[in-house]
Amino acid sequence: MSDNFFPVRAVHPVRSKVVEQNRYTLYRNDLRKDFANSCGYCGDDDLRVDRIAFHIDHFAPKRRFPDLELDYNNLVYSCRFCNVSKSDHWIGEDASKANDGERGFIDPCSEDYEAHLRREPYGRIVGETPLGRYIVRRLKLNLLRHELLWQARRARNLRDEVHKLKEKLNDDGKRHTSAYLNLAEHFITLTLAIEDYELRANNK
């Protein structure tokens, strides 16, 4: 990945071995853990949204492949935006063939996922390949919300660093640090406002 671009997700999800269940909805907690509390497709996290708004997606759609309904390796922790956009779309009749190289999907747990998609410096998700561009269009990964929520997460992480710096400056006790303290306070206030947007956006 170029220094000018970023991975789509903060953490690459890996499905673990889990106890078999008789309803796929019972896998929710396992999926949430394996997918690091984030949508497998776009990387939006569920930490500032009612978790009920996150869905369990059947990678190979259960309506077309009912025998995979309870297969944990076919399940994806997904935000409602990606899940609704994906719906029951599948390019063929073979559950094991997710794409033809230009159309279709890539299992979010596959090592190939990030090779076809990337984030631009301001958070927009774009396709690197014809298949990546197909996925972006089909899942609507270029929605502004994905970009803004990614920026909000980065700002939140940076705010944690600014808090540490502010404490260090306070401990310094020198008058020349007052301008830096004011700047840090301004940044913290700004990121709190961005976080307020994130909360409201996730609940719409």
Foldseek 3Di string as FASTA:
>chain_A
DDPQWAFQAPDQFDQDDDDFDPAQVVCVVSQCVRLVQAFLQRHQHCPQADLVQWDKAQLQHCVLVVVCRRPPQRITTHGNLQRVLQPNDADDNDSVDQDDQQAGDDRSNDPCNRVQWIAGNQGAIDGPGNHSNNSCVSRVSRDVLSSLSVVLVVLVVVLVVLVVVLVVLVVVPDPVCVVVNVVNVVSNVVSVVSVVVNNVVNHD
